[in-house]
Amino acid sequence: MSWLSDLLGDITSGLIPEEISSLYTTPLTQLQTPDVTFQPFTVTGPSGSTVTTTATGGTTYALSPEQLAMQQQLFGGAGDFFTQAAMPTAQRETDIYQRIRAAQMPEEQRQRSALEERLFAQGRGGVTTSQYGGTPEQLAMAKAQTEAQNQAMLSAMQQAQAEQAQQASLGGQFLQQSYAPQAALLSAMSPALNVAGMADVARRQQGEFDLETAMANLQGEMGLRTGYGSLFGGVYSGLLGGLGGLLTGSGKPWWMS
């Protein structure tokens, strides 16, 4: 009879404590995976420049406006020096030679005038020879002045080449200094990496501890439910079995006599 089944269900449901039924109806605690992924961080230098890491392991550098302007200026200076160092030196040699000759010519003119005065005083003015075209003194002076001109040309070439080498050297110095801001950032990042590494290790260890604790709690919860189920199952199995026999037995119950 359906009414007996309904009655049995009502009775048994009233006899079973909520603590027992909840053991089978309440979901188990879900484990939450700890977050032990790499945590990006930013290092800020004294001048305001920054180094920022990304979650994928990348690194970006950002110079402060002042350092960026200085770097661009140094880059530009290096480019100017390298451009000058690569240019031919012929024009520069000519310019230097002309300056040297401009300094030499007044003294040469003075020496020629003094020699002519001595020759006229000796009554030898205007003397020429078939071998030299002039007096031996004039020949010696002409040779000395020619040697001075040759020396001036050699000095001009050496000076132009030295200036070219100096420009190349200055260009290298400017270029090297232009990387100083990044070098300062890398220097500032080194101790920060050590600190970040310690924090990362601590975070991973804490994640392992949290996961182990959660698993231990879950095992304890499952053991507690199993123990309660066994305890209440033994107590109520006989009671519910006798009640079922009473309601469904062959003899008529007392209320139906």
C-alpha atoms as a PDB file:
ATOM      1  CA  MET A   1       0.000   0.000   0.000  1.00  0.00           C
ATOM      2  CA  SER A   2       1.326   3.377  -1.006  1.00  0.00           C
ATOM      3  CA  TRP A   3       0.110   5.025   2.143  1.00  0.00           C
ATOM      4  CA  LEU A   4       2.220   2.616   4.172  1.00  0.00           C
ATOM      5  CA  SER A   5       5.288   3.459   2.102  1.00  0.00           C
ATOM      6  CA  ASP A   6       4.622   7.140   2.578  1.00  0.00           C
ATOM      7  CA  LEU A   7       4.115   6.640   6.278  1.00  0.00           C
ATOM      8  CA  LEU A   8       7.335   4.629   6.500  1.00  0.00           C
ATOM      9  CA  GLY A   9       9.199   7.340   4.650  1.00  0.00           C
ATOM     10  CA  ASP A  10       7.872  10.022   6.961  1.00  0.00           C
ATOM     11  CA  ILE A  11       8.744   8.008  10.060  1.00  0.00           C
ATOM     12  CA  THR A  12      12.233   7.063   8.928  1.00  0.00           C
ATOM     13  CA  SER A  13      13.009  10.544   7.743  1.00  0.00           C
ATOM     14  CA  GLY A  14      12.020  11.858  11.125  1.00  0.00           C
ATOM     15  CA  LEU A  15      14.113   9.272  12.910  1.00  0.00           C
ATOM     16  CA  ILE A  16      17.304   9.908  10.921  1.00  0.00           C
ATOM     17  CA  PRO A  17      19.093  12.948  12.372  1.00  0.00           C
ATOM     18  CA  GLU A  18      20.155  15.708  10.086  1.00  0.00           C
ATOM     19  CA  GLU A  19      23.756  15.044  11.113  1.00  0.00           C
ATOM     20  CA  ILE A  20      23.549  11.639   9.394  1.00  0.00           C
ATOM     21  CA  SER A  21      21.821  12.799   6.242  1.00  0.00           C
ATOM     22  CA  SER A  22      24.180  15.731   5.862  1.00  0.00           C
ATOM     23  CA  LEU A  23      27.099  13.289   5.753  1.00  0.00           C
ATOM     24  CA  TYR A  24      25.837  12.151   2.353  1.00  0.00           C
ATOM     25  CA  THR A  25      24.302  15.319   1.016  1.00  0.00           C
ATOM     26  CA  THR A  26      26.860  17.997   1.889  1.00  0.00           C
ATOM     27  CA  PRO A  27      29.599  18.250  -0.796  1.00  0.00           C
ATOM     28  CA  LEU A  28      33.136  17.649   0.297  1.00  0.00           C
ATOM     29  CA  THR A  29      35.416  20.658   0.662  1.00  0.00           C
ATOM     30  CA  GLN A  30      37.020  21.469  -2.688  1.00  0.00           C
ATOM     31  CA  LEU A  31      40.776  21.806  -2.779  1.00  0.00           C
ATOM     32  CA  GLN A  32      42.044  25.183  -4.006  1.00  0.00           C
ATOM     33  CA  THR A  33      45.324  25.096  -5.911  1.00  0.00           C
ATOM     34  CA  PRO A  34      47.731  27.652  -4.390  1.00  0.00           C
ATOM     35  CA  ASP A  35      48.993  30.361  -6.717  1.00  0.00           C
ATOM     36  CA  VAL A  36      52.753  29.820  -6.991  1.00  0.00           C
ATOM     37  CA  THR A  37      53.216  31.477 -10.388  1.00  0.00           C
ATOM     38  CA  PHE A  38      55.933  34.066 -10.918  1.00  0.00           C
ATOM     39  CA  GLN A  39      54.855  37.469  -9.675  1.00  0.00           C
ATOM     40  CA  PRO A  40      56.151  40.351 -11.854  1.00  0.00           C
ATOM     41  CA  PHE A  41      57.823  43.239 -10.091  1.00  0.00           C
ATOM     42  CA  THR A  42      59.256  46.677 -10.844  1.00  0.00           C
ATOM     43  CA  VAL A  43      62.563  48.180  -9.732  1.00  0.00           C
ATOM     44  CA  THR A  44      62.802  51.978  -9.597  1.00  0.00           C
ATOM     45  CA  GLY A  45      66.232  53.582  -9.637  1.00  0.00           C
ATOM     46  CA  PRO A  46      67.239  56.765  -7.767  1.00  0.00           C
ATOM     47  CA  SER A  47      66.747  58.885 -10.898  1.00  0.00           C
ATOM     48  CA  GLY A  48      63.244  57.548 -11.597  1.00  0.00           C
ATOM     49  CA  SER A  49      64.192  54.991 -14.241  1.00  0.00           C
ATOM     50  CA  THR A  50      62.416  51.634 -13.943  1.00  0.00           C
ATOM     51  CA  VAL A  51      62.947  47.977 -14.785  1.00  0.00           C
ATOM     52  CA  THR A  52      59.718  45.978 -15.062  1.00  0.00           C
ATOM     53  CA  THR A  53      59.460  42.208 -15.354  1.00  0.00           C
ATOM     54  CA  THR A  54      56.558  40.409 -17.016  1.00  0.00           C
ATOM     55  CA  ALA A  55      54.728  37.213 -16.136  1.00  0.00           C
ATOM     56  CA  THR A  56      56.309  35.495 -19.160  1.00  0.00           C
ATOM     57  CA  GLY A  57      59.839  36.306 -18.011  1.00  0.00           C
ATOM     58  CA  GLY A  58      60.417  39.403 -20.144  1.00  0.00           C
ATOM     59  CA  THR A  59      62.049  42.612 -18.996  1.00  0.00           C
ATOM     60  CA  THR A  60      61.383  46.194 -20.070  1.00  0.00           C
ATOM     61  CA  TYR A  61      63.508  49.254 -19.327  1.00  0.00           C
ATOM     62  CA  ALA A  62      62.187  52.798 -19.023  1.00  0.00           C
ATOM     63  CA  LEU A  63      64.594  55.685 -18.523  1.00  0.00           C
ATOM     64  CA  SER A  64      63.512  58.843 -16.771  1.00  0.00           C
ATOM     65  CA  PRO A  65      62.912  61.840 -19.089  1.00  0.00           C
ATOM     66  CA  GLU A  66      66.181  63.435 -17.945  1.00  0.00           C
ATOM     67  CA  GLN A  67      68.242  60.313 -18.555  1.00  0.00           C
ATOM     68  CA  LEU A  68      66.534  59.672 -21.884  1.00  0.00           C
ATOM     69  CA  ALA A  69      67.383  63.196 -23.042  1.00  0.00           C
ATOM     70  CA  MET A  70      70.999  62.731 -21.939  1.00  0.00           C
ATOM     71  CA  GLN A  71      71.234  59.400 -23.718  1.00  0.00           C
ATOM     72  CA  GLN A  72      69.911  60.877 -26.955  1.00  0.00           C
ATOM     73  CA  GLN A  73      72.393  63.737 -26.688  1.00  0.00           C
ATOM     74  CA  LEU A  74      75.277  61.326 -26.168  1.00  0.00           C
ATOM     75  CA  PHE A  75      74.119  59.175 -29.092  1.00  0.00           C
ATOM     76  CA  GLY A  76      73.946  62.254 -31.274  1.00  0.00           C
ATOM     77  CA  GLY A  77      77.421  63.363 -30.199  1.00  0.00           C
ATOM     78  CA  ALA A  78      78.862  59.940 -30.943  1.00  0.00           C
ATOM     79  CA  GLY A  79      77.295  60.033 -34.408  1.00  0.00           C
ATOM     80  CA  ASP A  80      78.785  63.469 -35.117  1.00  0.00           C
ATOM     81  CA  PHE A  81      82.288  62.404 -34.095  1.00  0.00           C
ATOM     82  CA  PHE A  82      82.119  59.185 -36.107  1.00  0.00           C
ATOM     83  CA  THR A  83      80.920  61.127 -39.161  1.00  0.00           C
ATOM     84  CA  GLN A  84      83.816  63.550 -38.879  1.00  0.00           C
ATOM     85  CA  ALA A  85      86.286  60.714 -38.337  1.00  0.00           C
ATOM     86  CA  ALA A  86      85.116  59.030 -41.565  1.00  0.00           C
ATOM     87  CA  MET A  87      85.582  62.103 -43.748  1.00  0.00           C
ATOM     88  CA  PRO A  88      88.704  62.472 -45.978  1.00  0.00           C
ATOM     89  CA  THR A  89      91.498  64.500 -44.370  1.00  0.00           C
ATOM     90  CA  ALA A  90      92.749  66.279 -47.502  1.00  0.00           C
ATOM     91  CA  GLN A  91      90.848  69.498 -46.866  1.00  0.00           C
ATOM     92  CA  ARG A  92      91.841  69.508 -43.223  1.00  0.00           C
ATOM     93  CA  GLU A  93      95.504  68.971 -44.199  1.00  0.00           C
ATOM     94  CA  THR A  94      95.317  71.962 -46.537  1.00  0.00           C
ATOM     95  CA  ASP A  95      93.782  74.148 -43.865  1.00  0.00           C
ATOM     96  CA  ILE A  96      96.439  73.215 -41.328  1.00  0.00           C
ATOM     97  CA  TYR A  97      99.250  73.686 -43.877  1.00  0.00           C
ATOM     98  CA  GLN A  98      98.029  77.128 -44.772  1.00  0.00           C
ATOM     99  CA  ARG A  99      97.919  78.126 -41.125  1.00  0.00           C
ATOM    100  CA  ILE A 100     101.457  76.875 -40.570  1.00  0.00           C
ATOM    101  CA  ARG A 101     102.716  78.691 -43.674  1.00  0.00           C
ATOM    102  CA  ALA A 102     100.934  81.848 -42.612  1.00  0.00           C
ATOM    103  CA  ALA A 103     102.955  81.709 -39.401  1.00  0.00           C
ATOM    104  CA  GLN A 104     106.232  80.967 -41.219  1.00  0.00           C
ATOM    105  CA  MET A 105     106.075  83.464 -44.082  1.00  0.00           C
ATOM    106  CA  PRO A 106     106.726  86.694 -42.096  1.00  0.00           C
ATOM    107  CA  GLU A 107     109.953  85.218 -40.691  1.00  0.00           C
ATOM    108  CA  GLU A 108     111.012  83.951 -44.110  1.00  0.00           C
ATOM    109  CA  GLN A 109     110.401  87.370 -45.623  1.00  0.00           C
ATOM    110  CA  ARG A 110     112.419  88.986 -42.840  1.00  0.00           C
ATOM    111  CA  GLN A 111     115.308  86.592 -43.447  1.00  0.00           C
ATOM    112  CA  ARG A 112     115.309  87.279 -47.204  1.00  0.00           C
ATOM    113  CA  SER A 113     115.305  91.026 -46.634  1.00  0.00           C
ATOM    114  CA  ALA A 114     118.166  90.790 -44.146  1.00  0.00           C
ATOM    115  CA  LEU A 115     120.219  88.681 -46.563  1.00  0.00           C
ATOM    116  CA  GLU A 116     119.675  91.091 -49.416  1.00  0.00           C
ATOM    117  CA  GLU A 117     120.786  93.981 -47.209  1.00  0.00           C
ATOM    118  CA  ARG A 118     123.979  92.127 -46.297  1.00  0.00           C
ATOM    119  CA  LEU A 119     124.684  91.297 -49.927  1.00  0.00           C
ATOM    120  CA  PHE A 120     124.218  94.930 -51.040  1.00  0.00           C
ATOM    121  CA  ALA A 121     126.377  96.076 -48.175  1.00  0.00           C
ATOM    122  CA  GLN A 122     129.081  93.705 -49.421  1.00  0.00           C
ATOM    123  CA  GLY A 123     128.636  94.946 -52.987  1.00  0.00           C
ATOM    124  CA  ARG A 124     127.207  91.607 -54.035  1.00  0.00           C
ATOM    125  CA  GLY A 125     123.642  92.670 -54.621  1.00  0.00           C
ATOM    126  CA  GLY A 126     122.159  91.229 -57.805  1.00  0.00           C
ATOM    127  CA  VAL A 127     124.975  88.688 -58.155  1.00  0.00           C
ATOM    128  CA  THR A 128     124.012  85.503 -60.003  1.00  0.00           C
ATOM    129  CA  THR A 129     125.933  82.377 -60.888  1.00  0.00           C
ATOM    130  CA  SER A 130     125.426  79.870 -63.654  1.00  0.00           C
ATOM    131  CA  GLN A 131     125.403  77.034 -61.162  1.00  0.00           C
ATOM    132  CA  TYR A 132     122.976  78.313 -58.491  1.00  0.00           C
ATOM    133  CA  GLY A 133     121.224  81.298 -60.082  1.00  0.00           C
ATOM    134  CA  GLY A 134     122.216  83.373 -57.078  1.00  0.00           C
ATOM    135  CA  THR A 135     124.689  83.593 -54.268  1.00  0.00           C
ATOM    136  CA  PRO A 136     125.482  80.565 -52.124  1.00  0.00           C
ATOM    137  CA  GLU A 137     123.776  82.310 -49.195  1.00  0.00           C
ATOM    138  CA  GLN A 138     120.594  82.740 -51.199  1.00  0.00           C
ATOM    139  CA  LEU A 139     120.701  79.105 -52.271  1.00  0.00           C
ATOM    140  CA  ALA A 140     121.113  77.947 -48.660  1.00  0.00           C
ATOM    141  CA  MET A 141     118.186  80.095 -47.567  1.00  0.00           C
ATOM    142  CA  ALA A 142     115.993  78.815 -50.396  1.00  0.00           C
ATOM    143  CA  LYS A 143     116.799  75.212 -49.449  1.00  0.00           C
ATOM    144  CA  ALA A 144     116.030  75.906 -45.774  1.00  0.00           C
ATOM    145  CA  GLN A 145     112.709  77.531 -46.612  1.00  0.00           C
ATOM    146  CA  THR A 146     111.780  74.647 -48.942  1.00  0.00           C
ATOM    147  CA  GLU A 147     112.551  72.159 -46.179  1.00  0.00           C
ATOM    148  CA  ALA A 148     110.375  74.211 -43.850  1.00  0.00           C
ATOM    149  CA  GLN A 149     107.521  74.044 -46.345  1.00  0.00           C
ATOM    150  CA  ASN A 150     107.894  70.271 -46.666  1.00  0.00           C
ATOM    151  CA  GLN A 151     107.978  69.936 -42.902  1.00  0.00           C
ATOM    152  CA  ALA A 152     104.852  72.080 -42.700  1.00  0.00           C
ATOM    153  CA  MET A 153     103.072  69.734 -45.145  1.00  0.00           C
ATOM    154  CA  LEU A 154     104.140  66.663 -43.168  1.00  0.00           C
ATOM    155  CA  SER A 155     103.035  68.264 -39.911  1.00  0.00           C
ATOM    156  CA  ALA A 156      99.665  69.139 -41.472  1.00  0.00           C
ATOM    157  CA  MET A 157      99.112  65.520 -42.530  1.00  0.00           C
ATOM    158  CA  GLN A 158     100.069  64.191 -39.105  1.00  0.00           C
ATOM    159  CA  GLN A 159      97.874  66.721 -37.340  1.00  0.00           C
ATOM    160  CA  ALA A 160      94.862  65.923 -39.553  1.00  0.00           C
ATOM    161  CA  GLN A 161      95.291  62.187 -38.933  1.00  0.00           C
ATOM    162  CA  ALA A 162      95.672  62.749 -35.192  1.00  0.00           C
ATOM    163  CA  GLU A 163      92.493  64.815 -35.152  1.00  0.00           C
ATOM    164  CA  GLN A 164      90.688  62.062 -37.065  1.00  0.00           C
ATOM    165  CA  ALA A 165      91.807  59.440 -34.538  1.00  0.00           C
ATOM    166  CA  GLN A 166      90.795  61.714 -31.670  1.00  0.00           C
ATOM    167  CA  GLN A 167      87.321  62.192 -33.159  1.00  0.00           C
ATOM    168  CA  ALA A 168      86.899  58.428 -33.465  1.00  0.00           C
ATOM    169  CA  SER A 169      88.048  58.015 -29.856  1.00  0.00           C
ATOM    170  CA  LEU A 170      85.635  60.678 -28.641  1.00  0.00           C
ATOM    171  CA  GLY A 171      82.830  59.027 -30.586  1.00  0.00           C
ATOM    172  CA  GLY A 172      83.580  55.757 -28.798  1.00  0.00           C
ATOM    173  CA  GLN A 173      83.578  57.488 -25.429  1.00  0.00           C
ATOM    174  CA  PHE A 174      80.274  59.214 -26.123  1.00  0.00           C
ATOM    175  CA  LEU A 175      78.759  55.924 -27.285  1.00  0.00           C
ATOM    176  CA  GLN A 176      79.982  54.121 -24.179  1.00  0.00           C
ATOM    177  CA  GLN A 177      78.608  56.817 -21.893  1.00  0.00           C
ATOM    178  CA  SER A 178      75.243  56.658 -23.635  1.00  0.00           C
ATOM    179  CA  TYR A 179      74.767  53.167 -22.165  1.00  0.00           C
ATOM    180  CA  ALA A 180      75.538  54.333 -18.640  1.00  0.00           C
ATOM    181  CA  PRO A 181      71.831  54.783 -17.683  1.00  0.00           C
ATOM    182  CA  GLN A 182      71.041  51.160 -18.617  1.00  0.00           C
ATOM    183  CA  ALA A 183      74.128  50.014 -16.744  1.00  0.00           C
ATOM    184  CA  ALA A 184      72.914  51.864 -13.659  1.00  0.00           C
ATOM    185  CA  LEU A 185      69.516  50.191 -13.979  1.00  0.00           C
ATOM    186  CA  LEU A 186      71.077  46.744 -14.274  1.00  0.00           C
ATOM    187  CA  SER A 187      73.193  47.491 -11.223  1.00  0.00           C
ATOM    188  CA  ALA A 188      70.095  48.509  -9.262  1.00  0.00           C
ATOM    189  CA  MET A 189      68.219  45.413 -10.437  1.00  0.00           C
ATOM    190  CA  SER A 190      70.835  42.947  -9.193  1.00  0.00           C
ATOM    191  CA  PRO A 191      69.972  43.187  -5.468  1.00  0.00           C
ATOM    192  CA  ALA A 192      66.272  43.387  -6.329  1.00  0.00           C
ATOM    193  CA  LEU A 193      66.539  40.046  -8.138  1.00  0.00           C
ATOM    194  CA  ASN A 194      67.949  38.471  -4.989  1.00  0.00           C
ATOM    195  CA  VAL A 195      65.059  39.816  -2.913  1.00  0.00           C
ATOM    196  CA  ALA A 196      62.510  38.736  -5.531  1.00  0.00           C
ATOM    197  CA  GLY A 197      64.105  35.288  -5.630  1.00  0.00           C
ATOM    198  CA  MET A 198      63.755  34.897  -1.872  1.00  0.00           C
ATOM    199  CA  ALA A 199      60.127  36.045  -2.056  1.00  0.00           C
ATOM    200  CA  ASP A 200      59.440  33.565  -4.866  1.00  0.00           C
ATOM    201  CA  VAL A 201      60.929  30.677  -2.895  1.00  0.00           C
ATOM    202  CA  ALA A 202      58.915  31.660   0.182  1.00  0.00           C
ATOM    203  CA  ARG A 203      55.720  31.871  -1.884  1.00  0.00           C
ATOM    204  CA  ARG A 204      56.278  28.417  -3.370  1.00  0.00           C
ATOM    205  CA  GLN A 205      57.011  26.882   0.017  1.00  0.00           C
ATOM    206  CA  GLN A 206      53.927  28.491   1.503  1.00  0.00           C
ATOM    207  CA  GLY A 207      51.896  27.138  -1.411  1.00  0.00           C
ATOM    208  CA  GLU A 208      53.147  23.625  -0.690  1.00  0.00           C
ATOM    209  CA  PHE A 209      52.307  24.011   3.002  1.00  0.00           C
ATOM    210  CA  ASP A 210      48.813  25.310   2.193  1.00  0.00           C
ATOM    211  CA  LEU A 211      48.141  22.410  -0.198  1.00  0.00           C
ATOM    212  CA  GLU A 212      49.366  19.827   2.287  1.00  0.00           C
ATOM    213  CA  THR A 213      47.191  21.382   4.989  1.00  0.00           C
ATOM    214  CA  ALA A 214      44.130  21.398   2.724  1.00  0.00           C
ATOM    215  CA  MET A 215      44.671  17.735   1.806  1.00  0.00           C
ATOM    216  CA  ALA A 216      45.058  16.799   5.462  1.00  0.00           C
ATOM    217  CA  ASN A 217      41.842  18.630   6.315  1.00  0.00           C
ATOM    218  CA  LEU A 218      40.014  16.852   3.473  1.00  0.00           C
ATOM    219  CA  GLN A 219      41.239  13.454   4.633  1.00  0.00           C
ATOM    220  CA  GLY A 220      40.142  14.303   8.178  1.00  0.00           C
ATOM    221  CA  GLU A 221      36.706  15.350   6.922  1.00  0.00           C
ATOM    222  CA  MET A 222      36.297  12.118   4.966  1.00  0.00           C
ATOM    223  CA  GLY A 223      37.374  10.065   7.982  1.00  0.00           C
ATOM    224  CA  LEU A 224      34.940  11.938  10.216  1.00  0.00           C
ATOM    225  CA  ARG A 225      32.048  11.317   7.843  1.00  0.00           C
ATOM    226  CA  THR A 226      32.954   7.646   7.563  1.00  0.00           C
ATOM    227  CA  GLY A 227      33.086   7.293  11.351  1.00  0.00           C
ATOM    228  CA  TYR A 228      29.749   9.066  11.859  1.00  0.00           C
ATOM    229  CA  GLY A 229      28.153   6.952   9.145  1.00  0.00           C
ATOM    230  CA  SER A 230      29.304   3.719  10.750  1.00  0.00           C
ATOM    231  CA  LEU A 231      28.233   4.837  14.215  1.00  0.00           C
ATOM    232  CA  PHE A 232      24.752   6.015  13.358  1.00  0.00           C
ATOM    233  CA  GLY A 233      24.268   3.204  10.867  1.00  0.00           C
ATOM    234  CA  GLY A 234      24.741   0.575  13.549  1.00  0.00           C
ATOM    235  CA  VAL A 235      22.422   2.345  15.998  1.00  0.00           C
ATOM    236  CA  TYR A 236      19.522   2.903  13.641  1.00  0.00           C
ATOM    237  CA  SER A 237      19.741  -0.174  11.412  1.00  0.00           C
ATOM    238  CA  GLY A 238      18.078  -2.445  13.985  1.00  0.00           C
ATOM    239  CA  LEU A 239      15.442   0.149  14.900  1.00  0.00           C
ATOM    240  CA  LEU A 240      14.482   0.837  11.326  1.00  0.00           C
ATOM    241  CA  GLY A 241      14.501  -2.898  10.483  1.00  0.00           C
ATOM    242  CA  GLY A 242      12.083  -3.691  13.354  1.00  0.00           C
ATOM    243  CA  LEU A 243       9.823  -0.821  12.385  1.00  0.00           C
ATOM    244  CA  GLY A 244       9.693  -2.058   8.818  1.00  0.00           C
ATOM    245  CA  GLY A 245       8.756  -5.558   9.981  1.00  0.00           C
ATOM    246  CA  LEU A 246       6.021  -4.173  12.207  1.00  0.00           C
ATOM    247  CA  LEU A 247       4.468  -2.166   9.403  1.00  0.00           C
ATOM    248  CA  THR A 248       4.729  -4.881   6.762  1.00  0.00           C
ATOM    249  CA  GLY A 249       4.263  -8.080   8.897  1.00  0.00           C
ATOM    250  CA  SER A 250       1.616 -10.770   8.197  1.00  0.00           C
ATOM    251  CA  GLY A 251      -0.347 -10.157  11.379  1.00  0.00           C
ATOM    252  CA  LYS A 252      -2.715  -7.284  11.713  1.00  0.00           C
ATOM    253  CA  PRO A 253      -1.341  -4.343  13.632  1.00  0.00           C
ATOM    254  CA  TRP A 254      -2.983  -3.438  16.906  1.00  0.00           C
ATOM    255  CA  TRP A 255      -4.738  -0.429  15.450  1.00  0.00           C
ATOM    256  CA  MET A 256      -6.445  -2.575  12.837  1.00  0.00           C
ATOM    257  CA  SER A 257      -7.824  -5.239  15.355  1.00  0.00           C
END
